[in-house]
Amino acid sequence: MRYRRALALVGASAAALFTACKEPPFAPRWDADMYMPLSFQSIPVQAGSVPNGASATDSFPSPLSQDLSGVLGTVMKNLVTDPGRCSAPSDPSLSCDLVTVTMRKTLALTVQDTLFIGNAANTLTAAGAAGGTVVFPLSLTGAQTSLTDTMYLSPAAVTMLQNAGSGASAVWIQVRGTLSNQSGGTITATAADSIGITNLTATMRIAVSHK
């Protein structure tokens, strides 16, 4: 009889412990990186001869939109914004969230472009940076055929992305700038030539809670 009572006591204690484990007083938390592809396209180059010293404007034919509704919008609400947990290397004023872009070109033209990411098409200028618009300068010399560059985002840019995910449900993307021929000779462009954006992603640090 004592043996059975002892077993019953052990069983009741184990059941109580299991119930307590299902509803812990706190849940373990950690940070994780989320890779978010962004919309991009190539920038066409007008076919024909480009004399030495000539320059022209270039851009996406029109701004692109990226939907941030649904799951992406929910995830954006969990971005880590604590500067003590998340800052760019050697610059505590920036977040750990970043944008990475890869550009390629087939001609020996010098490229001075800027990538803009904003919450509306009319914010895609350097003047819009005060509202969190990402302004990312991109430069390729005539000799370069490709460039991969990374830019850490400001807290204002992170807030803009969060607001886009919860309110406007979209961000807008544009690349524009100038092309120039500084090669010393004439460059001939064909219909197959372009300034190619081959990768555009945002890496966002999010807070994860596991129950």
N, C-alpha and C. Protein backbone atom coordinates (compact mmCIF):
# COMPACT_ATOMS: atom_id res chain seq x y z
N MET A 1 0.83 -1.20 0.00
CA MET A 1 0.00 0.00 0.00
C MET A 1 0.87 1.25 0.00
N ARG A 2 1.93 1.26 0.83
CA ARG A 2 2.83 2.41 0.84
C ARG A 2 3.51 2.60 -0.52
N TYR A 3 3.85 1.42 -1.16
CA TYR A 3 4.51 1.47 -2.47
C TYR A 3 3.59 2.13 -3.51
N ARG A 4 2.28 1.75 -3.48
CA ARG A 4 1.34 2.34 -4.42
C ARG A 4 1.16 3.84 -4.18
N ARG A 5 1.11 4.24 -2.89
CA ARG A 5 0.99 5.66 -2.58
C ARG A 5 2.19 6.46 -3.06
N ALA A 6 3.38 5.84 -2.94
CA ALA A 6 4.60 6.51 -3.40
C ALA A 6 4.56 6.72 -4.91
N LEU A 7 4.12 5.66 -5.65
CA LEU A 7 4.01 5.79 -7.11
C LEU A 7 3.00 6.87 -7.49
N ALA A 8 1.88 6.90 -6.78
CA ALA A 8 0.87 7.91 -7.07
C ALA A 8 1.41 9.31 -6.84
N LEU A 9 2.22 9.49 -5.79
CA LEU A 9 2.80 10.79 -5.51
C LEU A 9 3.79 11.21 -6.59
N VAL A 10 4.63 10.26 -7.04
CA VAL A 10 5.58 10.54 -8.12
C VAL A 10 4.83 10.90 -9.40
N GLY A 11 3.76 10.13 -9.71
CA GLY A 11 2.98 10.41 -10.91
C GLY A 11 2.33 11.77 -10.88
N ALA A 12 1.79 12.15 -9.72
CA ALA A 12 1.17 13.47 -9.60
C ALA A 12 2.20 14.58 -9.75
N SER A 13 3.39 14.38 -9.20
CA SER A 13 4.45 15.38 -9.33
C SER A 13 4.90 15.53 -10.77
N ALA A 14 5.04 14.42 -11.48
CA ALA A 14 5.45 14.47 -12.89
C ALA A 14 4.40 15.18 -13.73
N ALA A 15 3.12 14.89 -13.44
CA ALA A 15 2.05 15.54 -14.21
C ALA A 15 2.06 17.04 -13.98
N ALA A 16 2.28 17.46 -12.73
CA ALA A 16 2.34 18.88 -12.43
C ALA A 16 3.51 19.54 -13.13
N LEU A 17 4.66 18.84 -13.17
CA LEU A 17 5.84 19.39 -13.84
C LEU A 17 5.60 19.52 -15.33
N PHE A 18 4.94 18.51 -15.95
CA PHE A 18 4.65 18.56 -17.38
C PHE A 18 3.72 19.72 -17.71
N THR A 19 2.71 19.91 -16.86
CA THR A 19 1.77 21.03 -17.08
C THR A 19 2.49 22.36 -16.99
N ALA A 20 3.41 22.48 -16.03
CA ALA A 20 4.16 23.72 -15.88
C ALA A 20 5.05 23.97 -17.08
N CYS A 21 5.61 22.91 -17.68
CA CYS A 21 6.51 23.06 -18.83
C CYS A 21 5.75 23.51 -20.07
N LYS A 22 4.47 23.16 -20.16
CA LYS A 22 3.70 23.58 -21.33
C LYS A 22 3.43 25.08 -21.32
N GLU A 23 3.40 25.69 -20.18
CA GLU A 23 3.16 27.12 -20.06
C GLU A 23 4.27 27.76 -19.23
N PRO A 24 5.49 27.86 -19.81
CA PRO A 24 6.62 28.39 -19.04
C PRO A 24 6.43 29.87 -18.74
N PRO A 25 7.02 30.33 -17.65
CA PRO A 25 6.90 31.75 -17.32
C PRO A 25 7.57 32.66 -18.33
N PHE A 26 8.49 32.13 -19.09
CA PHE A 26 9.12 32.91 -20.16
C PHE A 26 9.48 31.95 -21.28
N ALA A 27 9.52 32.47 -22.51
CA ALA A 27 9.86 31.66 -23.68
C ALA A 27 11.25 32.04 -24.17
N PRO A 28 12.02 31.05 -24.62
CA PRO A 28 13.35 31.38 -25.14
C PRO A 28 13.25 32.25 -26.39
N ARG A 29 14.14 33.21 -26.50
CA ARG A 29 14.13 34.14 -27.63
C ARG A 29 15.53 34.22 -28.25
N TRP A 30 15.56 34.44 -29.54
CA TRP A 30 16.82 34.64 -30.22
C TRP A 30 16.58 35.47 -31.47
N ASP A 31 17.65 35.90 -32.13
CA ASP A 31 17.55 36.67 -33.36
C ASP A 31 17.91 35.79 -34.55
N ALA A 32 17.27 36.03 -35.67
CA ALA A 32 17.55 35.27 -36.88
C ALA A 32 17.52 36.21 -38.08
N ASP A 33 18.29 35.88 -39.12
CA ASP A 33 18.32 36.69 -40.34
C ASP A 33 17.32 36.15 -41.35
N MET A 34 16.55 37.04 -41.94
CA MET A 34 15.59 36.69 -42.98
C MET A 34 16.02 37.36 -44.29
N TYR A 35 16.15 36.56 -45.35
CA TYR A 35 16.54 37.09 -46.65
C TYR A 35 15.28 37.34 -47.48
N MET A 36 15.11 38.56 -47.92
CA MET A 36 13.92 38.95 -48.65
C MET A 36 14.30 39.45 -50.04
N PRO A 37 14.01 38.67 -51.10
CA PRO A 37 14.29 39.14 -52.46
C PRO A 37 13.44 40.36 -52.79
N LEU A 38 14.03 41.33 -53.46
CA LEU A 38 13.31 42.52 -53.89
C LEU A 38 13.21 42.54 -55.42
N SER A 39 12.23 43.26 -55.93
CA SER A 39 12.02 43.32 -57.37
C SER A 39 13.15 44.07 -58.07
N PHE A 40 13.53 43.57 -59.24
CA PHE A 40 14.55 44.28 -60.03
C PHE A 40 14.38 43.93 -61.50
N GLN A 41 15.04 44.70 -62.34
CA GLN A 41 15.06 44.45 -63.77
C GLN A 41 16.30 45.09 -64.36
N SER A 42 16.62 44.78 -65.61
CA SER A 42 17.77 45.37 -66.27
C SER A 42 17.42 46.75 -66.83
N ILE A 43 18.46 47.58 -66.96
CA ILE A 43 18.29 48.92 -67.53
C ILE A 43 18.77 48.87 -68.98
N PRO A 44 17.90 49.09 -69.95
CA PRO A 44 18.33 49.01 -71.35
C PRO A 44 19.26 50.17 -71.72
N VAL A 45 20.17 49.88 -72.63
CA VAL A 45 21.06 50.91 -73.18
C VAL A 45 20.68 51.12 -74.64
N GLN A 46 20.48 52.37 -75.01
CA GLN A 46 20.08 52.66 -76.39
C GLN A 46 21.18 52.26 -77.36
N ALA A 47 20.80 51.51 -78.39
CA ALA A 47 21.77 51.07 -79.39
C ALA A 47 22.30 52.25 -80.19
N GLY A 48 23.57 52.16 -80.57
CA GLY A 48 24.19 53.21 -81.38
C GLY A 48 25.58 53.54 -80.88
N SER A 49 26.20 54.53 -81.50
CA SER A 49 27.56 54.94 -81.15
C SER A 49 27.53 55.94 -80.00
N VAL A 50 28.43 55.72 -79.03
CA VAL A 50 28.55 56.64 -77.89
C VAL A 50 29.94 57.28 -77.98
N PRO A 51 30.03 58.54 -78.41
CA PRO A 51 31.34 59.19 -78.54
C PRO A 51 32.02 59.35 -77.19
N ASN A 52 33.33 59.48 -77.23
CA ASN A 52 34.09 59.73 -76.01
C ASN A 52 33.62 61.04 -75.37
N GLY A 53 33.39 61.01 -74.07
CA GLY A 53 32.95 62.20 -73.34
C GLY A 53 31.45 62.36 -73.30
N ALA A 54 30.71 61.56 -74.05
CA ALA A 54 29.25 61.67 -74.06
C ALA A 54 28.66 61.03 -72.81
N SER A 55 27.51 61.52 -72.37
CA SER A 55 26.83 60.95 -71.21
C SER A 55 25.33 60.97 -71.45
N ALA A 56 24.61 60.13 -70.71
CA ALA A 56 23.16 60.05 -70.85
C ALA A 56 22.58 59.54 -69.54
N THR A 57 21.30 59.83 -69.32
CA THR A 57 20.64 59.32 -68.13
C THR A 57 20.20 57.88 -68.35
N ASP A 58 20.10 57.12 -67.26
CA ASP A 58 19.60 55.76 -67.36
C ASP A 58 18.72 55.49 -66.14
N SER A 59 17.78 54.55 -66.27
CA SER A 59 16.90 54.21 -65.16
C SER A 59 16.09 52.98 -65.52
N PHE A 60 15.46 52.36 -64.49
CA PHE A 60 14.41 51.40 -64.79
C PHE A 60 13.35 52.13 -65.62
N PRO A 61 12.72 51.45 -66.57
CA PRO A 61 11.67 52.11 -67.36
C PRO A 61 10.60 52.76 -66.49
N SER A 62 10.29 52.16 -65.35
CA SER A 62 9.34 52.73 -64.39
C SER A 62 9.63 52.12 -63.02
N PRO A 63 9.23 52.79 -61.94
CA PRO A 63 9.47 52.22 -60.61
C PRO A 63 8.78 50.87 -60.45
N LEU A 64 9.41 49.99 -59.69
CA LEU A 64 8.85 48.67 -59.43
C LEU A 64 8.24 48.65 -58.03
N SER A 65 7.20 47.87 -57.83
CA SER A 65 6.59 47.74 -56.51
C SER A 65 6.83 46.34 -55.96
N GLN A 66 6.98 46.26 -54.64
CA GLN A 66 7.22 45.00 -53.95
C GLN A 66 6.16 44.86 -52.86
N ASP A 67 5.33 43.84 -52.96
CA ASP A 67 4.25 43.63 -52.00
C ASP A 67 4.83 43.14 -50.67
N LEU A 68 4.47 43.79 -49.57
CA LEU A 68 4.91 43.39 -48.24
C LEU A 68 3.74 42.99 -47.35
N SER A 69 2.63 42.63 -47.95
CA SER A 69 1.47 42.23 -47.16
C SER A 69 1.60 40.77 -46.74
N GLY A 70 0.64 40.29 -45.99
CA GLY A 70 0.61 38.89 -45.59
C GLY A 70 1.72 38.53 -44.63
N VAL A 71 2.36 37.39 -44.90
CA VAL A 71 3.39 36.87 -44.00
C VAL A 71 4.56 37.84 -43.87
N LEU A 72 4.98 38.44 -44.99
CA LEU A 72 6.10 39.39 -44.93
C LEU A 72 5.77 40.56 -44.02
N GLY A 73 4.57 41.08 -44.13
CA GLY A 73 4.17 42.19 -43.27
C GLY A 73 4.19 41.80 -41.81
N THR A 74 3.77 40.57 -41.50
CA THR A 74 3.79 40.09 -40.12
C THR A 74 5.22 39.98 -39.61
N VAL A 75 6.10 39.44 -40.44
CA VAL A 75 7.50 39.29 -40.05
C VAL A 75 8.14 40.65 -39.81
N MET A 76 7.79 41.64 -40.63
CA MET A 76 8.40 42.96 -40.50
C MET A 76 8.12 43.60 -39.15
N LYS A 77 7.01 43.19 -38.51
CA LYS A 77 6.68 43.74 -37.21
C LYS A 77 7.66 43.28 -36.13
N ASN A 78 8.40 42.20 -36.42
CA ASN A 78 9.31 41.63 -35.43
C ASN A 78 10.77 42.00 -35.68
N LEU A 79 11.01 43.04 -36.47
CA LEU A 79 12.40 43.44 -36.72
C LEU A 79 13.04 43.89 -35.42
N VAL A 80 14.30 43.52 -35.24
CA VAL A 80 15.05 43.93 -34.05
C VAL A 80 15.46 45.39 -34.21
N THR A 81 15.04 46.22 -33.29
CA THR A 81 15.37 47.65 -33.36
C THR A 81 16.19 48.11 -32.16
N ASP A 82 16.51 47.21 -31.24
CA ASP A 82 17.32 47.57 -30.09
C ASP A 82 18.76 47.79 -30.54
N PRO A 83 19.30 49.02 -30.46
CA PRO A 83 20.66 49.27 -30.94
C PRO A 83 21.72 48.50 -30.16
N GLY A 84 21.38 48.07 -28.95
CA GLY A 84 22.33 47.27 -28.19
C GLY A 84 22.49 45.87 -28.71
N ARG A 85 21.47 45.37 -29.42
CA ARG A 85 21.51 44.02 -29.96
C ARG A 85 21.81 44.01 -31.45
N CYS A 86 21.73 45.15 -32.09
CA CYS A 86 21.74 45.15 -33.54
C CYS A 86 22.33 46.45 -34.07
N SER A 87 23.58 46.42 -34.48
CA SER A 87 24.19 47.61 -35.08
C SER A 87 25.18 47.17 -36.14
N ALA A 88 25.36 48.02 -37.14
CA ALA A 88 26.29 47.72 -38.21
C ALA A 88 27.72 47.75 -37.68
N PRO A 89 28.62 46.98 -38.27
CA PRO A 89 30.01 46.98 -37.82
C PRO A 89 30.60 48.39 -37.78
N SER A 90 31.13 48.76 -36.63
CA SER A 90 31.84 50.03 -36.40
C SER A 90 30.96 51.26 -36.52
N ASP A 91 29.64 51.10 -36.63
CA ASP A 91 28.77 52.27 -36.72
C ASP A 91 27.49 52.00 -35.93
N PRO A 92 27.44 52.38 -34.67
CA PRO A 92 26.27 52.11 -33.83
C PRO A 92 25.02 52.89 -34.24
N SER A 93 25.16 53.86 -35.15
CA SER A 93 23.98 54.63 -35.57
C SER A 93 23.17 53.90 -36.62
N LEU A 94 23.68 52.78 -37.15
CA LEU A 94 22.99 52.02 -38.18
C LEU A 94 22.46 50.71 -37.62
N SER A 95 21.44 50.18 -38.27
CA SER A 95 20.89 48.89 -37.87
C SER A 95 21.75 47.78 -38.45
N CYS A 96 21.42 46.53 -38.09
CA CYS A 96 22.12 45.40 -38.70
C CYS A 96 21.41 44.92 -39.96
N ASP A 97 20.30 45.55 -40.32
CA ASP A 97 19.57 45.21 -41.53
C ASP A 97 20.28 45.83 -42.74
N LEU A 98 20.32 45.12 -43.83
CA LEU A 98 21.10 45.61 -44.97
C LEU A 98 20.45 45.26 -46.29
N VAL A 99 20.88 45.98 -47.31
CA VAL A 99 20.46 45.73 -48.69
C VAL A 99 21.69 45.37 -49.49
N THR A 100 21.58 44.33 -50.31
CA THR A 100 22.68 43.90 -51.18
C THR A 100 22.22 43.95 -52.62
N VAL A 101 23.06 44.51 -53.48
CA VAL A 101 22.71 44.61 -54.90
C VAL A 101 23.91 44.18 -55.74
N THR A 102 23.63 43.50 -56.85
CA THR A 102 24.66 43.12 -57.81
C THR A 102 24.30 43.73 -59.16
N MET A 103 25.26 44.45 -59.77
CA MET A 103 25.07 45.04 -61.09
C MET A 103 26.11 44.46 -62.05
N ARG A 104 25.72 44.30 -63.29
CA ARG A 104 26.64 43.84 -64.34
C ARG A 104 26.43 44.69 -65.59
N LYS A 105 27.49 44.85 -66.37
CA LYS A 105 27.35 45.59 -67.62
C LYS A 105 28.25 44.99 -68.68
N THR A 106 27.88 45.21 -69.92
CA THR A 106 28.60 44.62 -71.05
C THR A 106 29.44 45.63 -71.80
N LEU A 107 29.29 46.92 -71.47
CA LEU A 107 30.01 47.97 -72.18
C LEU A 107 31.00 48.67 -71.26
N ALA A 108 32.02 49.28 -71.85
CA ALA A 108 33.04 49.99 -71.05
C ALA A 108 32.57 51.39 -70.70
N LEU A 109 31.33 51.51 -70.25
CA LEU A 109 30.78 52.79 -69.83
C LEU A 109 30.94 52.96 -68.33
N THR A 110 31.11 54.18 -67.90
CA THR A 110 31.14 54.49 -66.47
C THR A 110 29.71 54.70 -65.98
N VAL A 111 29.38 54.07 -64.88
CA VAL A 111 28.02 54.10 -64.35
C VAL A 111 28.02 54.82 -63.00
N GLN A 112 27.17 55.81 -62.86
CA GLN A 112 26.93 56.50 -61.59
C GLN A 112 25.42 56.44 -61.34
N ASP A 113 25.00 55.40 -60.65
CA ASP A 113 23.56 55.18 -60.42
C ASP A 113 23.25 55.26 -58.93
N THR A 114 21.98 55.34 -58.63
CA THR A 114 21.50 55.32 -57.25
C THR A 114 20.30 54.40 -57.16
N LEU A 115 20.32 53.52 -56.18
CA LEU A 115 19.17 52.67 -55.88
C LEU A 115 18.31 53.37 -54.82
N PHE A 116 17.03 53.50 -55.11
CA PHE A 116 16.08 54.09 -54.16
C PHE A 116 15.05 53.04 -53.76
N ILE A 117 14.76 52.96 -52.47
CA ILE A 117 13.68 52.10 -51.96
C ILE A 117 12.85 52.95 -51.01
N GLY A 118 11.58 53.14 -51.33
CA GLY A 118 10.71 53.99 -50.51
C GLY A 118 9.33 53.40 -50.38
N ASN A 119 8.47 54.05 -49.60
CA ASN A 119 7.13 53.53 -49.37
C ASN A 119 6.09 54.09 -50.34
N ALA A 120 6.54 54.90 -51.30
CA ALA A 120 5.64 55.41 -52.35
C ALA A 120 6.50 55.81 -53.54
N ALA A 121 5.90 55.81 -54.72
CA ALA A 121 6.67 56.13 -55.93
C ALA A 121 7.21 57.54 -55.91
N ASN A 122 6.50 58.46 -55.27
CA ASN A 122 6.95 59.86 -55.26
C ASN A 122 7.99 60.16 -54.19
N THR A 123 8.45 59.14 -53.46
CA THR A 123 9.51 59.35 -52.46
C THR A 123 10.88 58.89 -52.97
N LEU A 124 10.94 58.45 -54.22
CA LEU A 124 12.17 57.84 -54.74
C LEU A 124 13.16 58.89 -55.22
N THR A 125 13.57 59.76 -54.31
CA THR A 125 14.59 60.77 -54.58
C THR A 125 15.45 60.90 -53.33
N ALA A 126 16.58 61.56 -53.48
CA ALA A 126 17.45 61.79 -52.32
C ALA A 126 16.74 62.63 -51.27
N ALA A 127 15.83 63.53 -51.73
CA ALA A 127 15.09 64.36 -50.78
C ALA A 127 14.17 63.53 -49.90
N GLY A 128 13.79 62.34 -50.38
CA GLY A 128 12.91 61.48 -49.60
C GLY A 128 13.60 60.73 -48.49
N ALA A 129 14.93 60.85 -48.40
CA ALA A 129 15.68 60.08 -47.40
C ALA A 129 15.26 60.43 -45.98
N ALA A 130 14.82 61.67 -45.76
CA ALA A 130 14.40 62.09 -44.42
C ALA A 130 13.22 61.26 -43.93
N GLY A 131 12.43 60.74 -44.84
CA GLY A 131 11.30 59.90 -44.47
C GLY A 131 11.63 58.42 -44.43
N GLY A 132 12.92 58.09 -44.52
CA GLY A 132 13.34 56.70 -44.45
C GLY A 132 13.63 56.06 -45.79
N THR A 133 13.49 56.81 -46.88
CA THR A 133 13.82 56.25 -48.19
C THR A 133 15.29 55.83 -48.24
N VAL A 134 15.53 54.62 -48.74
CA VAL A 134 16.91 54.13 -48.90
C VAL A 134 17.52 54.81 -50.11
N VAL A 135 18.68 55.41 -49.93
CA VAL A 135 19.41 56.07 -51.02
C VAL A 135 20.79 55.41 -51.08
N PHE A 136 21.01 54.57 -52.06
CA PHE A 136 22.18 53.68 -52.14
C PHE A 136 22.97 54.00 -53.41
N PRO A 137 24.07 54.76 -53.33
CA PRO A 137 24.87 55.07 -54.52
C PRO A 137 25.58 53.82 -55.05
N LEU A 138 25.60 53.69 -56.37
CA LEU A 138 26.25 52.56 -57.03
C LEU A 138 27.13 53.09 -58.15
N SER A 139 28.41 52.73 -58.14
CA SER A 139 29.35 53.24 -59.15
C SER A 139 30.17 52.11 -59.73
N LEU A 140 30.28 52.11 -61.06
CA LEU A 140 31.15 51.18 -61.77
C LEU A 140 32.03 51.98 -62.72
N THR A 141 33.31 51.70 -62.69
CA THR A 141 34.21 52.33 -63.64
C THR A 141 34.03 51.68 -65.02
N GLY A 142 34.60 52.29 -66.03
CA GLY A 142 34.50 51.72 -67.36
C GLY A 142 35.08 50.33 -67.45
N ALA A 143 36.14 50.05 -66.67
CA ALA A 143 36.80 48.75 -66.74
C ALA A 143 36.05 47.67 -65.97
N GLN A 144 35.21 48.04 -65.05
CA GLN A 144 34.48 47.06 -64.26
C GLN A 144 33.32 46.46 -65.06
N THR A 145 33.15 45.15 -64.93
CA THR A 145 32.03 44.48 -65.56
C THR A 145 30.95 44.10 -64.56
N SER A 146 31.27 44.09 -63.26
CA SER A 146 30.26 43.75 -62.27
C SER A 146 30.61 44.40 -60.93
N LEU A 147 29.61 44.52 -60.09
CA LEU A 147 29.77 45.10 -58.77
C LEU A 147 28.74 44.49 -57.84
N THR A 148 29.19 44.03 -56.67
CA THR A 148 28.27 43.62 -55.60
C THR A 148 28.57 44.48 -54.40
N ASP A 149 27.56 45.17 -53.91
CA ASP A 149 27.77 46.11 -52.80
C ASP A 149 26.66 45.94 -51.78
N THR A 150 26.98 46.31 -50.54
CA THR A 150 26.05 46.18 -49.43
C THR A 150 25.94 47.49 -48.69
N MET A 151 24.73 47.83 -48.26
CA MET A 151 24.49 49.05 -47.49
C MET A 151 23.66 48.72 -46.26
N TYR A 152 24.18 49.10 -45.08
CA TYR A 152 23.41 48.95 -43.85
C TYR A 152 22.37 50.06 -43.77
N LEU A 153 21.21 49.71 -43.24
CA LEU A 153 20.09 50.64 -43.22
C LEU A 153 20.08 51.49 -41.96
N SER A 154 19.59 52.70 -42.10
CA SER A 154 19.42 53.58 -40.95
C SER A 154 18.17 53.15 -40.19
N PRO A 155 18.04 53.54 -38.92
CA PRO A 155 16.80 53.25 -38.19
C PRO A 155 15.56 53.81 -38.88
N ALA A 156 15.69 54.97 -39.53
CA ALA A 156 14.55 55.54 -40.25
C ALA A 156 14.13 54.66 -41.42
N ALA A 157 15.11 54.06 -42.11
CA ALA A 157 14.79 53.16 -43.23
C ALA A 157 14.11 51.89 -42.73
N VAL A 158 14.56 51.38 -41.58
CA VAL A 158 13.93 50.20 -41.00
C VAL A 158 12.48 50.50 -40.62
N THR A 159 12.25 51.66 -40.03
CA THR A 159 10.89 52.06 -39.68
C THR A 159 10.02 52.19 -40.93
N MET A 160 10.59 52.74 -42.01
CA MET A 160 9.85 52.87 -43.27
C MET A 160 9.41 51.50 -43.77
N LEU A 161 10.31 50.50 -43.72
CA LEU A 161 9.96 49.16 -44.17
C LEU A 161 8.89 48.54 -43.27
N GLN A 162 9.00 48.76 -41.96
CA GLN A 162 7.97 48.24 -41.06
C GLN A 162 6.62 48.87 -41.36
N ASN A 163 6.59 50.17 -41.58
CA ASN A 163 5.33 50.85 -41.88
C ASN A 163 4.75 50.39 -43.21
N ALA A 164 5.65 50.12 -44.17
CA ALA A 164 5.18 49.64 -45.47
C ALA A 164 4.54 48.26 -45.31
N GLY A 165 5.11 47.45 -44.44
CA GLY A 165 4.56 46.11 -44.22
C GLY A 165 3.23 46.12 -43.50
N SER A 166 3.02 47.11 -42.64
CA SER A 166 1.79 47.12 -41.84
C SER A 166 0.74 48.07 -42.39
N GLY A 167 1.15 49.06 -43.18
CA GLY A 167 0.19 50.05 -43.66
C GLY A 167 0.04 50.05 -45.17
N ALA A 168 1.03 50.61 -45.86
CA ALA A 168 0.94 50.73 -47.33
C ALA A 168 1.01 49.38 -48.03
N SER A 169 1.60 48.36 -47.35
CA SER A 169 1.71 46.99 -47.87
C SER A 169 2.59 46.87 -49.10
N ALA A 170 3.42 47.87 -49.37
CA ALA A 170 4.31 47.78 -50.52
C ALA A 170 5.47 48.76 -50.36
N VAL A 171 6.60 48.41 -50.97
CA VAL A 171 7.68 49.37 -51.14
C VAL A 171 7.89 49.56 -52.63
N TRP A 172 8.48 50.69 -52.98
CA TRP A 172 8.74 51.03 -54.37
C TRP A 172 10.24 51.11 -54.59
N ILE A 173 10.68 50.65 -55.78
CA ILE A 173 12.11 50.50 -56.06
C ILE A 173 12.42 51.14 -57.40
N GLN A 174 13.51 51.92 -57.44
CA GLN A 174 13.95 52.55 -58.67
C GLN A 174 15.47 52.64 -58.67
N VAL A 175 16.08 52.43 -59.82
CA VAL A 175 17.51 52.68 -60.03
C VAL A 175 17.62 53.68 -61.16
N ARG A 176 18.35 54.76 -60.95
CA ARG A 176 18.56 55.72 -62.02
C ARG A 176 19.85 56.50 -61.78
N GLY A 177 20.36 57.09 -62.84
CA GLY A 177 21.60 57.85 -62.75
C GLY A 177 22.10 58.21 -64.13
N THR A 178 23.42 58.12 -64.32
CA THR A 178 24.01 58.51 -65.60
C THR A 178 25.02 57.47 -66.09
N LEU A 179 25.11 57.37 -67.39
CA LEU A 179 26.15 56.60 -68.07
C LEU A 179 27.04 57.56 -68.81
N SER A 180 28.33 57.30 -68.82
CA SER A 180 29.22 58.18 -69.58
C SER A 180 30.34 57.36 -70.19
N ASN A 181 30.84 57.86 -71.32
CA ASN A 181 31.94 57.22 -72.02
C ASN A 181 33.23 57.99 -71.71
N GLN A 182 34.07 57.39 -70.90
CA GLN A 182 35.36 57.99 -70.55
C GLN A 182 36.50 57.10 -71.01
N SER A 183 36.24 56.31 -72.06
CA SER A 183 37.22 55.32 -72.53
C SER A 183 38.30 55.92 -73.42
N GLY A 184 38.07 57.11 -73.97
CA GLY A 184 39.02 57.70 -74.90
C GLY A 184 38.70 57.41 -76.35
N GLY A 185 37.69 56.58 -76.60
CA GLY A 185 37.28 56.26 -77.97
C GLY A 185 35.78 56.09 -78.04
N THR A 186 35.29 55.75 -79.22
CA THR A 186 33.86 55.56 -79.41
C THR A 186 33.45 54.15 -78.98
N ILE A 187 32.31 54.05 -78.29
CA ILE A 187 31.77 52.75 -77.88
C ILE A 187 30.47 52.53 -78.64
N THR A 188 30.32 51.34 -79.19
CA THR A 188 29.12 51.01 -79.95
C THR A 188 28.24 50.09 -79.13
N ALA A 189 27.01 50.52 -78.87
CA ALA A 189 26.05 49.72 -78.10
C ALA A 189 25.09 49.04 -79.06
N THR A 190 24.70 47.82 -78.72
CA THR A 190 23.72 47.07 -79.51
C THR A 190 22.45 46.88 -78.67
N ALA A 191 21.43 46.32 -79.29
CA ALA A 191 20.17 46.10 -78.59
C ALA A 191 20.32 45.08 -77.46
N ALA A 192 21.39 44.29 -77.49
CA ALA A 192 21.60 43.27 -76.46
C ALA A 192 22.31 43.82 -75.22
N ASP A 193 22.81 45.06 -75.30
CA ASP A 193 23.56 45.63 -74.18
C ASP A 193 22.62 46.22 -73.14
N SER A 194 23.02 46.12 -71.88
CA SER A 194 22.20 46.65 -70.79
C SER A 194 23.05 46.80 -69.54
N ILE A 195 22.51 47.55 -68.60
CA ILE A 195 23.04 47.59 -67.25
C ILE A 195 22.17 46.62 -66.45
N GLY A 196 22.71 45.50 -66.10
CA GLY A 196 21.90 44.45 -65.50
C GLY A 196 21.95 44.45 -63.98
N ILE A 197 20.76 44.47 -63.37
CA ILE A 197 20.65 44.21 -61.94
C ILE A 197 20.36 42.71 -61.82
N THR A 198 21.31 41.95 -61.29
CA THR A 198 21.15 40.50 -61.25
C THR A 198 20.78 39.98 -59.87
N ASN A 199 20.83 40.85 -58.87
CA ASN A 199 20.43 40.43 -57.52
C ASN A 199 20.10 41.67 -56.70
N LEU A 200 19.00 41.61 -55.97
CA LEU A 200 18.63 42.68 -55.06
C LEU A 200 17.90 42.04 -53.89
N THR A 201 18.51 42.07 -52.71
CA THR A 201 17.91 41.44 -51.55
C THR A 201 18.06 42.33 -50.32
N ALA A 202 17.15 42.13 -49.39
CA ALA A 202 17.26 42.76 -48.07
C ALA A 202 17.45 41.65 -47.05
N THR A 203 18.41 41.82 -46.16
CA THR A 203 18.62 40.88 -45.06
C THR A 203 18.17 41.57 -43.79
N MET A 204 17.11 41.05 -43.16
CA MET A 204 16.49 41.68 -42.02
C MET A 204 16.69 40.84 -40.78
N ARG A 205 17.08 41.45 -39.67
CA ARG A 205 17.22 40.75 -38.39
C ARG A 205 15.88 40.77 -37.66
N ILE A 206 15.35 39.59 -37.35
CA ILE A 206 14.06 39.50 -36.69
C ILE A 206 14.21 38.80 -35.34
N ALA A 207 13.32 39.16 -34.42
CA ALA A 207 13.28 38.53 -33.10
C ALA A 207 12.37 37.30 -33.17
N VAL A 208 12.86 36.18 -32.66
CA VAL A 208 12.12 34.93 -32.71
C VAL A 208 11.79 34.49 -31.29
N SER A 209 10.55 34.09 -31.07
CA SER A 209 10.13 33.57 -29.77
C SER A 209 9.60 32.17 -29.97
N HIS A 210 10.07 31.22 -29.16
CA HIS A 210 9.65 29.81 -29.28
C HIS A 210 8.94 29.39 -28.02
N LYS A 211 7.73 28.89 -28.16
CA LYS A 211 6.97 28.40 -27.00
C LYS A 211 6.83 26.88 -27.05
